[in-house]
């Protein structure tokens, strides 16, 4: 028997206690960034999710689609505008957001997952009033703040062996309209509503870095009590601020842990959940780390 075969068997054996830990538990994955743009990474993410589902882990995917929305707006000669890092969403832009997220992006993901042997079901935040929202602030247009998550439709899908693939458009409760929702926020809210074991945010960086210019300064574990100090020291800054806020909120609301991982690394989800190594930055409210 070759070393390679022994090595593969060792890796599978190492995964066993992690599979046992997560079997029957719920994991919510927020999918976006470079992992959506690269075909190779897209297939790696989807195969990871299918594998997790096949070994008995309940996985729900929440996705964004910023590049696709920007591309369609450009085709339609509708200008893209951002306010405080959020896409300003007027009525015309909201129509495009709804069509692209709930239509093309969602259904392409579902079709790819099904072709690769998964059992996927596409949902948008308005199906079953999954996400209810009100206007966040008029300066953002039709960008919403989630007021309620009705997770029954996702629970039903999971209970029947499906992998729910959720787009982040919400049903308005303060007006007869749809709202554009930040995908990180939607994933965190859904993880809380499902009582998830873990929330995973795929990003385009290794995780929280002590020095943003040096990827070797990854902070692998953060207790949520450390977050204010890290923010005050400027270590949590820029685009990492809302991601960390989402993670902290989910952990405080009952999700066991939240992890920010590098979606540019193929199979980063499996490395995080099913190996001793772990990857990215894990946020938790108890003593612990990436291990069991």
C-alpha atoms as a PDB file:
ATOM      1  CA  UNK A   1       0.000   0.000   0.000  1.00  0.00           C
ATOM      2  CA  UNK A   2       1.392   3.393  -0.972  1.00  0.00           C
ATOM      3  CA  UNK A   3       1.962   6.308   1.397  1.00  0.00           C
ATOM      4  CA  UNK A   4      -0.711   8.279  -0.467  1.00  0.00           C
ATOM      5  CA  UNK A   5      -3.383   5.695   0.268  1.00  0.00           C
ATOM      6  CA  UNK A   6      -2.393   5.557   3.944  1.00  0.00           C
ATOM      7  CA  UNK A   7      -2.402   9.354   4.042  1.00  0.00           C
ATOM      8  CA  UNK A   8      -5.904   9.510   2.580  1.00  0.00           C
ATOM      9  CA  UNK A   9      -7.147   6.942   5.085  1.00  0.00           C
ATOM     10  CA  UNK A  10      -5.593   8.946   7.939  1.00  0.00           C
ATOM     11  CA  UNK A  11      -7.390  12.081   6.785  1.00  0.00           C
ATOM     12  CA  UNK A  12     -10.710  10.223   6.668  1.00  0.00           C
ATOM     13  CA  UNK A  13     -10.113   8.739  10.130  1.00  0.00           C
ATOM     14  CA  UNK A  14      -9.296  12.202  11.477  1.00  0.00           C
ATOM     15  CA  UNK A  15     -12.640  13.460  10.175  1.00  0.00           C
ATOM     16  CA  UNK A  16     -14.667  10.813  12.059  1.00  0.00           C
ATOM     17  CA  UNK A  17     -14.956  12.538  15.481  1.00  0.00           C
ATOM     18  CA  UNK A  18     -15.894  15.803  13.760  1.00  0.00           C
ATOM     19  CA  UNK A  19     -18.564  14.070  11.690  1.00  0.00           C
ATOM     20  CA  UNK A  20     -19.886  12.567  14.922  1.00  0.00           C
ATOM     21  CA  UNK A  21     -19.817  16.012  16.570  1.00  0.00           C
ATOM     22  CA  UNK A  22     -21.835  17.688  13.815  1.00  0.00           C
ATOM     23  CA  UNK A  23     -24.113  14.811  12.744  1.00  0.00           C
ATOM     24  CA  UNK A  24     -27.727  15.946  13.019  1.00  0.00           C
ATOM     25  CA  UNK A  25     -26.615  19.515  13.831  1.00  0.00           C
ATOM     26  CA  UNK A  26     -27.259  22.568  11.657  1.00  0.00           C
ATOM     27  CA  UNK A  27     -24.551  24.608   9.951  1.00  0.00           C
ATOM     28  CA  UNK A  28     -25.320  27.851   8.090  1.00  0.00           C
ATOM     29  CA  UNK A  29     -22.854  28.887   5.379  1.00  0.00           C
ATOM     30  CA  UNK A  30     -22.803  32.414   3.968  1.00  0.00           C
ATOM     31  CA  UNK A  31     -21.471  32.083   0.440  1.00  0.00           C
ATOM     32  CA  UNK A  32     -20.056  35.071  -1.412  1.00  0.00           C
ATOM     33  CA  UNK A  33     -16.940  36.903  -2.514  1.00  0.00           C
ATOM     34  CA  UNK A  34     -14.268  35.325  -4.710  1.00  0.00           C
ATOM     35  CA  UNK A  35     -15.638  31.839  -4.072  1.00  0.00           C
ATOM     36  CA  UNK A  36     -18.702  32.807  -6.141  1.00  0.00           C
ATOM     37  CA  UNK A  37     -16.694  34.263  -9.034  1.00  0.00           C
ATOM     38  CA  UNK A  38     -14.137  31.464  -9.540  1.00  0.00           C
ATOM     39  CA  UNK A  39     -15.614  28.331 -11.134  1.00  0.00           C
ATOM     40  CA  UNK A  40     -13.048  26.106  -9.382  1.00  0.00           C
ATOM     41  CA  UNK A  41     -13.793  27.565  -5.940  1.00  0.00           C
ATOM     42  CA  UNK A  42     -17.542  27.497  -6.614  1.00  0.00           C
ATOM     43  CA  UNK A  43     -17.393  23.759  -7.287  1.00  0.00           C
ATOM     44  CA  UNK A  44     -15.184  23.203  -4.216  1.00  0.00           C
ATOM     45  CA  UNK A  45     -17.671  25.009  -1.948  1.00  0.00           C
ATOM     46  CA  UNK A  46     -20.633  23.132  -3.394  1.00  0.00           C
ATOM     47  CA  UNK A  47     -18.899  19.740  -3.127  1.00  0.00           C
ATOM     48  CA  UNK A  48     -18.015  20.510   0.519  1.00  0.00           C
ATOM     49  CA  UNK A  49     -21.655  21.278   1.290  1.00  0.00           C
ATOM     50  CA  UNK A  50     -22.884  18.142  -0.484  1.00  0.00           C
ATOM     51  CA  UNK A  51     -20.377  15.997   1.437  1.00  0.00           C
ATOM     52  CA  UNK A  52     -21.458  17.489   4.763  1.00  0.00           C
ATOM     53  CA  UNK A  53     -25.096  16.821   3.894  1.00  0.00           C
ATOM     54  CA  UNK A  54     -24.383  13.218   2.888  1.00  0.00           C
ATOM     55  CA  UNK A  55     -22.702  12.481   6.259  1.00  0.00           C
ATOM     56  CA  UNK A  56     -25.765  13.724   8.145  1.00  0.00           C
ATOM     57  CA  UNK A  57     -24.978  17.396   8.791  1.00  0.00           C
ATOM     58  CA  UNK A  58     -27.870  19.784   8.096  1.00  0.00           C
ATOM     59  CA  UNK A  59     -26.464  22.575   5.926  1.00  0.00           C
ATOM     60  CA  UNK A  60     -28.240  25.737   4.821  1.00  0.00           C
ATOM     61  CA  UNK A  61     -26.555  28.098   2.360  1.00  0.00           C
ATOM     62  CA  UNK A  62     -27.232  31.850   2.287  1.00  0.00           C
ATOM     63  CA  UNK A  63     -25.804  33.632  -0.743  1.00  0.00           C
ATOM     64  CA  UNK A  64     -25.153  37.108  -2.024  1.00  0.00           C
ATOM     65  CA  UNK A  65     -24.504  38.165  -5.598  1.00  0.00           C
ATOM     66  CA  UNK A  66     -22.960  41.620  -5.677  1.00  0.00           C
ATOM     67  CA  UNK A  67     -20.862  41.176  -8.857  1.00  0.00           C
ATOM     68  CA  UNK A  68     -23.818  39.720 -10.767  1.00  0.00           C
ATOM     69  CA  UNK A  69     -26.077  42.578  -9.633  1.00  0.00           C
ATOM     70  CA  UNK A  70     -23.469  45.156 -10.657  1.00  0.00           C
ATOM     71  CA  UNK A  71     -23.062  43.437 -14.020  1.00  0.00           C
ATOM     72  CA  UNK A  72     -26.787  43.483 -14.757  1.00  0.00           C
ATOM     73  CA  UNK A  73     -27.145  47.110 -13.648  1.00  0.00           C
ATOM     74  CA  UNK A  74     -24.338  48.027 -16.041  1.00  0.00           C
ATOM     75  CA  UNK A  75     -26.076  46.196 -18.907  1.00  0.00           C
ATOM     76  CA  UNK A  76     -29.271  48.106 -18.166  1.00  0.00           C
ATOM     77  CA  UNK A  77     -27.366  51.398 -17.852  1.00  0.00           C
ATOM     78  CA  UNK A  78     -28.475  51.834 -14.225  1.00  0.00           C
ATOM     79  CA  UNK A  79     -25.688  53.408 -12.130  1.00  0.00           C
ATOM     80  CA  UNK A  80     -24.371  51.527  -9.078  1.00  0.00           C
ATOM     81  CA  UNK A  81     -24.158  53.706  -5.987  1.00  0.00           C
ATOM     82  CA  UNK A  82     -22.909  52.828  -2.515  1.00  0.00           C
ATOM     83  CA  UNK A  83     -23.616  54.603   0.778  1.00  0.00           C
ATOM     84  CA  UNK A  84     -21.549  53.618   3.846  1.00  0.00           C
ATOM     85  CA  UNK A  85     -20.519  50.450   2.015  1.00  0.00           C
ATOM     86  CA  UNK A  86     -24.128  49.399   1.292  1.00  0.00           C
ATOM     87  CA  UNK A  87     -25.610  49.366  -2.201  1.00  0.00           C
ATOM     88  CA  UNK A  88     -28.067  52.244  -2.543  1.00  0.00           C
ATOM     89  CA  UNK A  89     -31.224  50.478  -3.698  1.00  0.00           C
ATOM     90  CA  UNK A  90     -33.838  52.590  -5.444  1.00  0.00           C
ATOM     91  CA  UNK A  91     -36.907  50.988  -7.006  1.00  0.00           C
ATOM     92  CA  UNK A  92     -35.214  50.213 -10.334  1.00  0.00           C
ATOM     93  CA  UNK A  93     -32.176  48.721  -8.584  1.00  0.00           C
ATOM     94  CA  UNK A  94     -34.417  46.655  -6.301  1.00  0.00           C
ATOM     95  CA  UNK A  95     -36.129  45.123  -9.331  1.00  0.00           C
ATOM     96  CA  UNK A  96     -32.724  44.038 -10.628  1.00  0.00           C
ATOM     97  CA  UNK A  97     -31.602  42.775  -7.198  1.00  0.00           C
ATOM     98  CA  UNK A  98     -34.733  40.639  -6.902  1.00  0.00           C
ATOM     99  CA  UNK A  99     -34.460  39.259 -10.431  1.00  0.00           C
ATOM    100  CA  UNK A 100     -30.746  38.470 -10.162  1.00  0.00           C
ATOM    101  CA  UNK A 101     -30.625  37.099  -6.590  1.00  0.00           C
ATOM    102  CA  UNK A 102     -33.927  35.228  -6.464  1.00  0.00           C
ATOM    103  CA  UNK A 103     -33.735  34.202 -10.100  1.00  0.00           C
ATOM    104  CA  UNK A 104     -30.468  33.647 -11.911  1.00  0.00           C
ATOM    105  CA  UNK A 105     -27.949  33.371  -9.056  1.00  0.00           C
ATOM    106  CA  UNK A 106     -30.169  31.250  -6.817  1.00  0.00           C
ATOM    107  CA  UNK A 107     -31.316  28.861  -9.528  1.00  0.00           C
ATOM    108  CA  UNK A 108     -27.827  28.501 -11.035  1.00  0.00           C
ATOM    109  CA  UNK A 109     -26.507  27.480  -7.599  1.00  0.00           C
ATOM    110  CA  UNK A 110     -29.356  25.026  -7.084  1.00  0.00           C
ATOM    111  CA  UNK A 111     -28.869  23.494 -10.535  1.00  0.00           C
ATOM    112  CA  UNK A 112     -25.107  23.133 -10.029  1.00  0.00           C
ATOM    113  CA  UNK A 113     -25.614  21.515  -6.633  1.00  0.00           C
ATOM    114  CA  UNK A 114     -28.183  19.075  -8.022  1.00  0.00           C
ATOM    115  CA  UNK A 115     -25.949  18.185 -10.994  1.00  0.00           C
ATOM    116  CA  UNK A 116     -23.100  17.427  -8.579  1.00  0.00           C
ATOM    117  CA  UNK A 117     -25.236  14.942  -6.650  1.00  0.00           C
ATOM    118  CA  UNK A 118     -26.722  17.173  -3.981  1.00  0.00           C
ATOM    119  CA  UNK A 119     -30.373  17.623  -3.135  1.00  0.00           C
ATOM    120  CA  UNK A 120     -30.836  21.394  -3.224  1.00  0.00           C
ATOM    121  CA  UNK A 121     -33.919  23.570  -2.901  1.00  0.00           C
ATOM    122  CA  UNK A 122     -33.883  27.254  -3.828  1.00  0.00           C
ATOM    123  CA  UNK A 123     -35.632  29.785  -1.602  1.00  0.00           C
ATOM    124  CA  UNK A 124     -35.715  33.548  -1.369  1.00  0.00           C
ATOM    125  CA  UNK A 125     -36.416  35.541   1.780  1.00  0.00           C
ATOM    126  CA  UNK A 126     -39.997  36.166   0.679  1.00  0.00           C
ATOM    127  CA  UNK A 127     -40.887  32.473   0.403  1.00  0.00           C
ATOM    128  CA  UNK A 128     -42.940  31.603   3.466  1.00  0.00           C
ATOM    129  CA  UNK A 129     -42.178  35.155   4.683  1.00  0.00           C
ATOM    130  CA  UNK A 130     -38.781  33.722   5.644  1.00  0.00           C
ATOM    131  CA  UNK A 131     -37.258  37.182   6.136  1.00  0.00           C
ATOM    132  CA  UNK A 132     -39.471  40.083   7.202  1.00  0.00           C
ATOM    133  CA  UNK A 133     -37.889  43.525   7.215  1.00  0.00           C
ATOM    134  CA  UNK A 134     -38.374  47.243   7.553  1.00  0.00           C
ATOM    135  CA  UNK A 135     -36.402  50.077   5.944  1.00  0.00           C
ATOM    136  CA  UNK A 136     -32.939  50.396   7.502  1.00  0.00           C
ATOM    137  CA  UNK A 137     -32.625  54.117   6.718  1.00  0.00           C
ATOM    138  CA  UNK A 138     -34.069  56.163   3.885  1.00  0.00           C
ATOM    139  CA  UNK A 139     -30.555  57.180   2.803  1.00  0.00           C
ATOM    140  CA  UNK A 140     -30.008  53.577   1.635  1.00  0.00           C
ATOM    141  CA  UNK A 141     -33.285  53.286  -0.300  1.00  0.00           C
ATOM    142  CA  UNK A 142     -34.830  49.795  -0.232  1.00  0.00           C
ATOM    143  CA  UNK A 143     -32.175  48.261   2.015  1.00  0.00           C
ATOM    144  CA  UNK A 144     -33.850  46.454   4.880  1.00  0.00           C
ATOM    145  CA  UNK A 145     -33.292  45.546   8.497  1.00  0.00           C
ATOM    146  CA  UNK A 146     -34.618  42.097   9.364  1.00  0.00           C
ATOM    147  CA  UNK A 147     -37.351  42.280  12.002  1.00  0.00           C
ATOM    148  CA  UNK A 148     -38.347  38.621  12.025  1.00  0.00           C
ATOM    149  CA  UNK A 149     -37.180  35.263  10.677  1.00  0.00           C
ATOM    150  CA  UNK A 150     -39.840  32.637  10.011  1.00  0.00           C
ATOM    151  CA  UNK A 151     -37.531  29.659   9.613  1.00  0.00           C
ATOM    152  CA  UNK A 152     -40.258  27.023   9.178  1.00  0.00           C
ATOM    153  CA  UNK A 153     -39.779  26.709   5.420  1.00  0.00           C
ATOM    154  CA  UNK A 154     -36.021  26.129   5.902  1.00  0.00           C
ATOM    155  CA  UNK A 155     -36.641  23.660   8.746  1.00  0.00           C
ATOM    156  CA  UNK A 156     -39.061  21.728   6.531  1.00  0.00           C
ATOM    157  CA  UNK A 157     -36.491  21.563   3.738  1.00  0.00           C
ATOM    158  CA  UNK A 158     -33.761  20.376   6.119  1.00  0.00           C
ATOM    159  CA  UNK A 159     -36.057  17.790   7.715  1.00  0.00           C
ATOM    160  CA  UNK A 160     -36.732  16.343   4.264  1.00  0.00           C
ATOM    161  CA  UNK A 161     -33.065  16.034   3.403  1.00  0.00           C
ATOM    162  CA  UNK A 162     -32.755  19.112   1.217  1.00  0.00           C
ATOM    163  CA  UNK A 163     -29.978  21.682   1.242  1.00  0.00           C
ATOM    164  CA  UNK A 164     -31.814  25.046   1.349  1.00  0.00           C
ATOM    165  CA  UNK A 165     -30.154  27.697  -0.830  1.00  0.00           C
ATOM    166  CA  UNK A 166     -31.428  31.094   0.316  1.00  0.00           C
ATOM    167  CA  UNK A 167     -31.211  34.470  -1.456  1.00  0.00           C
ATOM    168  CA  UNK A 168     -31.289  37.593   0.666  1.00  0.00           C
ATOM    169  CA  UNK A 169     -34.369  39.527  -0.422  1.00  0.00           C
ATOM    170  CA  UNK A 170     -36.916  40.215   2.333  1.00  0.00           C
ATOM    171  CA  UNK A 171     -40.624  40.913   2.508  1.00  0.00           C
ATOM    172  CA  UNK A 172     -41.417  44.429   3.704  1.00  0.00           C
ATOM    173  CA  UNK A 173     -43.560  44.817   6.812  1.00  0.00           C
ATOM    174  CA  UNK A 174     -43.644  48.617   6.811  1.00  0.00           C
ATOM    175  CA  UNK A 175     -44.483  48.923   3.102  1.00  0.00           C
ATOM    176  CA  UNK A 176     -45.655  46.723   0.228  1.00  0.00           C
ATOM    177  CA  UNK A 177     -42.189  46.234  -1.179  1.00  0.00           C
ATOM    178  CA  UNK A 178     -39.163  43.963  -1.150  1.00  0.00           C
ATOM    179  CA  UNK A 179     -35.937  44.849   0.649  1.00  0.00           C
ATOM    180  CA  UNK A 180     -32.311  44.156  -0.182  1.00  0.00           C
ATOM    181  CA  UNK A 181     -30.611  42.523   2.833  1.00  0.00           C
ATOM    182  CA  UNK A 182     -26.910  42.215   3.630  1.00  0.00           C
ATOM    183  CA  UNK A 183     -26.035  38.535   3.189  1.00  0.00           C
ATOM    184  CA  UNK A 184     -23.814  38.312   6.300  1.00  0.00           C
ATOM    185  CA  UNK A 185     -26.639  39.727   8.415  1.00  0.00           C
ATOM    186  CA  UNK A 186     -29.225  37.406   6.864  1.00  0.00           C
ATOM    187  CA  UNK A 187     -27.016  34.351   7.459  1.00  0.00           C
ATOM    188  CA  UNK A 188     -26.478  35.317  11.110  1.00  0.00           C
ATOM    189  CA  UNK A 189     -30.208  35.859  11.677  1.00  0.00           C
ATOM    190  CA  UNK A 190     -31.058  32.541  10.018  1.00  0.00           C
ATOM    191  CA  UNK A 191     -28.404  30.690  12.050  1.00  0.00           C
ATOM    192  CA  UNK A 192     -29.938  32.093  15.237  1.00  0.00           C
ATOM    193  CA  UNK A 193     -33.477  31.171  14.203  1.00  0.00           C
ATOM    194  CA  UNK A 194     -32.396  27.607  13.358  1.00  0.00           C
ATOM    195  CA  UNK A 195     -30.415  27.177  16.586  1.00  0.00           C
ATOM    196  CA  UNK A 196     -27.379  26.375  14.457  1.00  0.00           C
ATOM    197  CA  UNK A 197     -24.245  24.780  15.821  1.00  0.00           C
ATOM    198  CA  UNK A 198     -22.023  26.942  13.630  1.00  0.00           C
ATOM    199  CA  UNK A 199     -22.235  29.968  11.336  1.00  0.00           C
ATOM    200  CA  UNK A 200     -19.583  30.095   8.600  1.00  0.00           C
ATOM    201  CA  UNK A 201     -18.864  33.318   6.710  1.00  0.00           C
ATOM    202  CA  UNK A 202     -16.806  32.827   3.552  1.00  0.00           C
ATOM    203  CA  UNK A 203     -14.681  35.916   2.844  1.00  0.00           C
ATOM    204  CA  UNK A 204     -11.761  37.027   0.669  1.00  0.00           C
ATOM    205  CA  UNK A 205      -9.261  37.203   3.547  1.00  0.00           C
ATOM    206  CA  UNK A 206      -7.805  34.574   5.901  1.00  0.00           C
ATOM    207  CA  UNK A 207      -9.904  35.835   8.798  1.00  0.00           C
ATOM    208  CA  UNK A 208      -9.243  38.512  11.413  1.00  0.00           C
ATOM    209  CA  UNK A 209      -5.662  39.716  11.023  1.00  0.00           C
ATOM    210  CA  UNK A 210      -3.687  41.549  13.699  1.00  0.00           C
ATOM    211  CA  UNK A 211      -2.029  43.376  10.803  1.00  0.00           C
ATOM    212  CA  UNK A 212      -4.371  43.626   7.768  1.00  0.00           C
ATOM    213  CA  UNK A 213      -1.337  43.810   5.449  1.00  0.00           C
ATOM    214  CA  UNK A 214       0.191  40.586   6.776  1.00  0.00           C
ATOM    215  CA  UNK A 215      -1.790  37.378   6.301  1.00  0.00           C
ATOM    216  CA  UNK A 216       0.578  35.603   8.695  1.00  0.00           C
ATOM    217  CA  UNK A 217      -0.929  37.544  11.615  1.00  0.00           C
ATOM    218  CA  UNK A 218      -4.194  35.573  11.690  1.00  0.00           C
ATOM    219  CA  UNK A 219      -5.974  35.522  15.055  1.00  0.00           C
ATOM    220  CA  UNK A 220      -7.421  31.981  15.135  1.00  0.00           C
ATOM    221  CA  UNK A 221      -9.656  32.249  18.197  1.00  0.00           C
ATOM    222  CA  UNK A 222     -11.611  35.157  19.632  1.00  0.00           C
ATOM    223  CA  UNK A 223     -13.897  35.115  22.660  1.00  0.00           C
ATOM    224  CA  UNK A 224     -16.764  37.533  22.059  1.00  0.00           C
ATOM    225  CA  UNK A 225     -15.742  39.446  25.212  1.00  0.00           C
ATOM    226  CA  UNK A 226     -12.477  40.391  23.428  1.00  0.00           C
ATOM    227  CA  UNK A 227     -14.219  42.040  20.463  1.00  0.00           C
ATOM    228  CA  UNK A 228     -14.686  45.561  21.934  1.00  0.00           C
ATOM    229  CA  UNK A 229     -10.983  45.803  22.804  1.00  0.00           C
ATOM    230  CA  UNK A 230      -9.936  44.514  19.362  1.00  0.00           C
ATOM    231  CA  UNK A 231     -12.218  47.122  17.767  1.00  0.00           C
ATOM    232  CA  UNK A 232     -10.889  49.901  20.003  1.00  0.00           C
ATOM    233  CA  UNK A 233      -7.319  48.945  19.031  1.00  0.00           C
ATOM    234  CA  UNK A 234      -8.245  49.189  15.350  1.00  0.00           C
ATOM    235  CA  UNK A 235      -7.586  45.496  14.706  1.00  0.00           C
ATOM    236  CA  UNK A 236     -11.231  45.046  13.759  1.00  0.00           C
ATOM    237  CA  UNK A 237     -11.733  47.706  11.088  1.00  0.00           C
ATOM    238  CA  UNK A 238     -13.255  48.414   7.688  1.00  0.00           C
ATOM    239  CA  UNK A 239     -15.280  45.597   6.138  1.00  0.00           C
ATOM    240  CA  UNK A 240     -14.414  43.270   9.034  1.00  0.00           C
ATOM    241  CA  UNK A 241     -16.523  45.358  11.455  1.00  0.00           C
ATOM    242  CA  UNK A 242     -19.976  44.273  10.180  1.00  0.00           C
ATOM    243  CA  UNK A 243     -18.821  40.657   9.799  1.00  0.00           C
ATOM    244  CA  UNK A 244     -17.609  40.528  13.394  1.00  0.00           C
ATOM    245  CA  UNK A 245     -20.811  42.212  14.585  1.00  0.00           C
ATOM    246  CA  UNK A 246     -22.875  39.520  12.823  1.00  0.00           C
ATOM    247  CA  UNK A 247     -20.783  36.765  14.398  1.00  0.00           C
ATOM    248  CA  UNK A 248     -21.010  38.255  17.893  1.00  0.00           C
ATOM    249  CA  UNK A 249     -24.768  38.734  17.626  1.00  0.00           C
ATOM    250  CA  UNK A 250     -25.294  35.134  16.499  1.00  0.00           C
ATOM    251  CA  UNK A 251     -23.128  33.691  19.306  1.00  0.00           C
ATOM    252  CA  UNK A 252     -24.846  35.861  21.915  1.00  0.00           C
ATOM    253  CA  UNK A 253     -28.187  34.646  20.533  1.00  0.00           C
ATOM    254  CA  UNK A 254     -27.393  30.958  20.973  1.00  0.00           C
ATOM    255  CA  UNK A 255     -25.303  29.843  17.986  1.00  0.00           C
ATOM    256  CA  UNK A 256     -22.434  27.782  19.443  1.00  0.00           C
ATOM    257  CA  UNK A 257     -19.720  29.379  17.302  1.00  0.00           C
ATOM    258  CA  UNK A 258     -19.178  31.559  14.262  1.00  0.00           C
ATOM    259  CA  UNK A 259     -16.160  31.376  11.991  1.00  0.00           C
ATOM    260  CA  UNK A 260     -14.790  33.683   9.322  1.00  0.00           C
ATOM    261  CA  UNK A 261     -12.831  31.652   6.764  1.00  0.00           C
ATOM    262  CA  UNK A 262     -10.997  32.250   3.501  1.00  0.00           C
ATOM    263  CA  UNK A 263     -13.223  31.326   0.568  1.00  0.00           C
ATOM    264  CA  UNK A 264     -10.179  31.569  -1.727  1.00  0.00           C
ATOM    265  CA  UNK A 265      -8.833  28.322  -0.241  1.00  0.00           C
ATOM    266  CA  UNK A 266     -10.356  25.262  -1.942  1.00  0.00           C
ATOM    267  CA  UNK A 267     -12.350  23.100   0.498  1.00  0.00           C
ATOM    268  CA  UNK A 268     -11.911  25.604   3.326  1.00  0.00           C
ATOM    269  CA  UNK A 269     -15.277  24.513   4.772  1.00  0.00           C
ATOM    270  CA  UNK A 270     -14.085  20.909   5.164  1.00  0.00           C
ATOM    271  CA  UNK A 271     -10.744  22.056   6.608  1.00  0.00           C
ATOM    272  CA  UNK A 272     -12.621  24.109   9.212  1.00  0.00           C
ATOM    273  CA  UNK A 273     -15.259  21.583  10.221  1.00  0.00           C
ATOM    274  CA  UNK A 274     -13.657  18.169   9.731  1.00  0.00           C
ATOM    275  CA  UNK A 275      -9.940  18.494  10.547  1.00  0.00           C
ATOM    276  CA  UNK A 276      -7.753  19.165  13.566  1.00  0.00           C
ATOM    277  CA  UNK A 277      -6.201  22.176  11.857  1.00  0.00           C
ATOM    278  CA  UNK A 278      -9.186  24.462  11.442  1.00  0.00           C
ATOM    279  CA  UNK A 279      -8.870  27.617   9.368  1.00  0.00           C
ATOM    280  CA  UNK A 280      -9.793  31.262   9.741  1.00  0.00           C
ATOM    281  CA  UNK A 281     -11.002  33.034  12.896  1.00  0.00           C
ATOM    282  CA  UNK A 282     -13.390  31.300  15.280  1.00  0.00           C
ATOM    283  CA  UNK A 283     -15.644  33.371  17.547  1.00  0.00           C
ATOM    284  CA  UNK A 284     -17.165  31.705  20.568  1.00  0.00           C
ATOM    285  CA  UNK A 285     -18.690  32.481  23.931  1.00  0.00           C
ATOM    286  CA  UNK A 286     -17.093  29.632  25.844  1.00  0.00           C
ATOM    287  CA  UNK A 287     -13.588  28.354  26.448  1.00  0.00           C
ATOM    288  CA  UNK A 288     -12.512  26.468  23.375  1.00  0.00           C
ATOM    289  CA  UNK A 289     -10.861  26.539  19.979  1.00  0.00           C
ATOM    290  CA  UNK A 290     -11.113  24.977  16.517  1.00  0.00           C
ATOM    291  CA  UNK A 291     -10.712  21.505  17.977  1.00  0.00           C
ATOM    292  CA  UNK A 292     -13.333  19.198  19.461  1.00  0.00           C
END
